[in-house]
Amino acid sequence: MKLTTYSSALDADVAVSQLEAADIPALARGNDIVGIFGPGFQGATARGVDVLVPAAALKDARAVLELD
């Protein structure tokens, strides 16, 4: 289930790492994560990068990332 969207893959990866450290499975998914500058580019992307978690972990994930 979609938790939130970040403008860059770097920000999404940091969030995924924080969630995984709290034992919450997470995945970063975006249509254009590579961007126009190649796979090493860490700036903003046109569509953003979604962070996904299991539906049962949504409330805990929001608390870990302080989204509420």
C-alpha atoms as a PDB file:
ATOM      1  CA  MET A   1       0.000   0.000   0.000  1.00  0.00           C
ATOM      2  CA  LYS A   2       1.301   3.472  -0.826  1.00  0.00           C
ATOM      3  CA  LEU A   3       2.616   5.231   2.271  1.00  0.00           C
ATOM      4  CA  THR A   4       3.907   8.459   0.726  1.00  0.00           C
ATOM      5  CA  THR A   5       5.710   9.916  -2.290  1.00  0.00           C
ATOM      6  CA  TYR A   6       9.138  11.556  -2.260  1.00  0.00           C
ATOM      7  CA  SER A   7      10.547  13.803  -4.955  1.00  0.00           C
ATOM      8  CA  SER A   8      13.861  11.943  -5.165  1.00  0.00           C
ATOM      9  CA  ALA A   9      15.030   8.337  -5.025  1.00  0.00           C
ATOM     10  CA  LEU A  10      17.545   9.279  -2.325  1.00  0.00           C
ATOM     11  CA  ASP A  11      14.811  10.526   0.018  1.00  0.00           C
ATOM     12  CA  ALA A  12      12.711   7.432  -0.684  1.00  0.00           C
ATOM     13  CA  ASP A  13      15.687   5.140  -0.022  1.00  0.00           C
ATOM     14  CA  VAL A  14      16.337   6.850   3.325  1.00  0.00           C
ATOM     15  CA  ALA A  15      12.683   6.331   4.294  1.00  0.00           C
ATOM     16  CA  VAL A  16      12.830   2.661   3.256  1.00  0.00           C
ATOM     17  CA  SER A  17      15.962   2.207   5.384  1.00  0.00           C
ATOM     18  CA  GLN A  18      14.266   3.805   8.399  1.00  0.00           C
ATOM     19  CA  LEU A  19      11.237   1.548   7.982  1.00  0.00           C
ATOM     20  CA  GLU A  20      13.340  -1.586   7.572  1.00  0.00           C
ATOM     21  CA  ALA A  21      15.303  -0.656  10.717  1.00  0.00           C
ATOM     22  CA  ALA A  22      11.935  -0.651  12.514  1.00  0.00           C
ATOM     23  CA  ASP A  23      11.182  -4.142  11.099  1.00  0.00           C
ATOM     24  CA  ILE A  24       8.613  -2.799   8.629  1.00  0.00           C
ATOM     25  CA  PRO A  25       8.994  -4.203   5.098  1.00  0.00           C
ATOM     26  CA  ALA A  26       9.149  -1.364   2.580  1.00  0.00           C
ATOM     27  CA  LEU A  27       9.802  -0.804  -1.105  1.00  0.00           C
ATOM     28  CA  ALA A  28      10.598   2.305  -3.170  1.00  0.00           C
ATOM     29  CA  ARG A  29       8.915   2.349  -6.563  1.00  0.00           C
ATOM     30  CA  GLY A  30       8.979   4.985  -9.290  1.00  0.00           C
ATOM     31  CA  ASN A  31       8.482   5.055 -13.037  1.00  0.00           C
ATOM     32  CA  ASP A  32      11.478   7.261 -13.688  1.00  0.00           C
ATOM     33  CA  ILE A  33      13.854   6.590 -10.780  1.00  0.00           C
ATOM     34  CA  VAL A  34      16.803   6.545 -13.183  1.00  0.00           C
ATOM     35  CA  GLY A  35      15.943  10.034 -14.399  1.00  0.00           C
ATOM     36  CA  ILE A  36      17.354  11.699 -17.475  1.00  0.00           C
ATOM     37  CA  PHE A  37      20.857  11.912 -16.017  1.00  0.00           C
ATOM     38  CA  GLY A  38      21.416   8.188 -15.459  1.00  0.00           C
ATOM     39  CA  PRO A  39      21.245   5.763 -12.540  1.00  0.00           C
ATOM     40  CA  GLY A  40      23.574   7.772 -10.295  1.00  0.00           C
ATOM     41  CA  PHE A  41      21.338  10.862 -10.338  1.00  0.00           C
ATOM     42  CA  GLN A  42      19.799  11.621  -6.927  1.00  0.00           C
ATOM     43  CA  GLY A  43      17.849  14.798  -7.654  1.00  0.00           C
ATOM     44  CA  ALA A  44      14.115  15.282  -8.020  1.00  0.00           C
ATOM     45  CA  THR A  45      12.201  13.144 -10.498  1.00  0.00           C
ATOM     46  CA  ALA A  46       9.209  14.196 -12.574  1.00  0.00           C
ATOM     47  CA  ARG A  47       6.767  11.693 -11.057  1.00  0.00           C
ATOM     48  CA  GLY A  48       8.337  11.141  -7.668  1.00  0.00           C
ATOM     49  CA  VAL A  49       9.101   7.862  -5.928  1.00  0.00           C
ATOM     50  CA  ASP A  50       6.414   6.023  -3.960  1.00  0.00           C
ATOM     51  CA  VAL A  51       7.228   4.212  -0.738  1.00  0.00           C
ATOM     52  CA  LEU A  52       5.098   1.093  -0.313  1.00  0.00           C
ATOM     53  CA  VAL A  53       4.430  -0.928   2.843  1.00  0.00           C
ATOM     54  CA  PRO A  54       2.038  -3.765   3.738  1.00  0.00           C
ATOM     55  CA  ALA A  55      -1.456  -2.494   4.594  1.00  0.00           C
ATOM     56  CA  ALA A  56      -1.198  -3.971   8.094  1.00  0.00           C
ATOM     57  CA  ALA A  57       1.933  -1.880   8.769  1.00  0.00           C
ATOM     58  CA  LEU A  58       0.623   1.435   7.438  1.00  0.00           C
ATOM     59  CA  LYS A  59      -0.120   3.039  10.825  1.00  0.00           C
ATOM     60  CA  ASP A  60       3.238   2.007  12.307  1.00  0.00           C
ATOM     61  CA  ALA A  61       5.083   3.153   9.177  1.00  0.00           C
ATOM     62  CA  ARG A  62       3.446   6.589   9.345  1.00  0.00           C
ATOM     63  CA  ALA A  63       4.582   6.865  12.972  1.00  0.00           C
ATOM     64  CA  VAL A  64       8.182   5.849  12.168  1.00  0.00           C
ATOM     65  CA  LEU A  65       8.452   8.500   9.454  1.00  0.00           C
ATOM     66  CA  GLU A  66       6.474  11.032  11.530  1.00  0.00           C
ATOM     67  CA  LEU A  67       3.970  11.596   8.716  1.00  0.00           C
ATOM     68  CA  ASP A  68       1.018  12.296  11.017  1.00  0.00           C
END
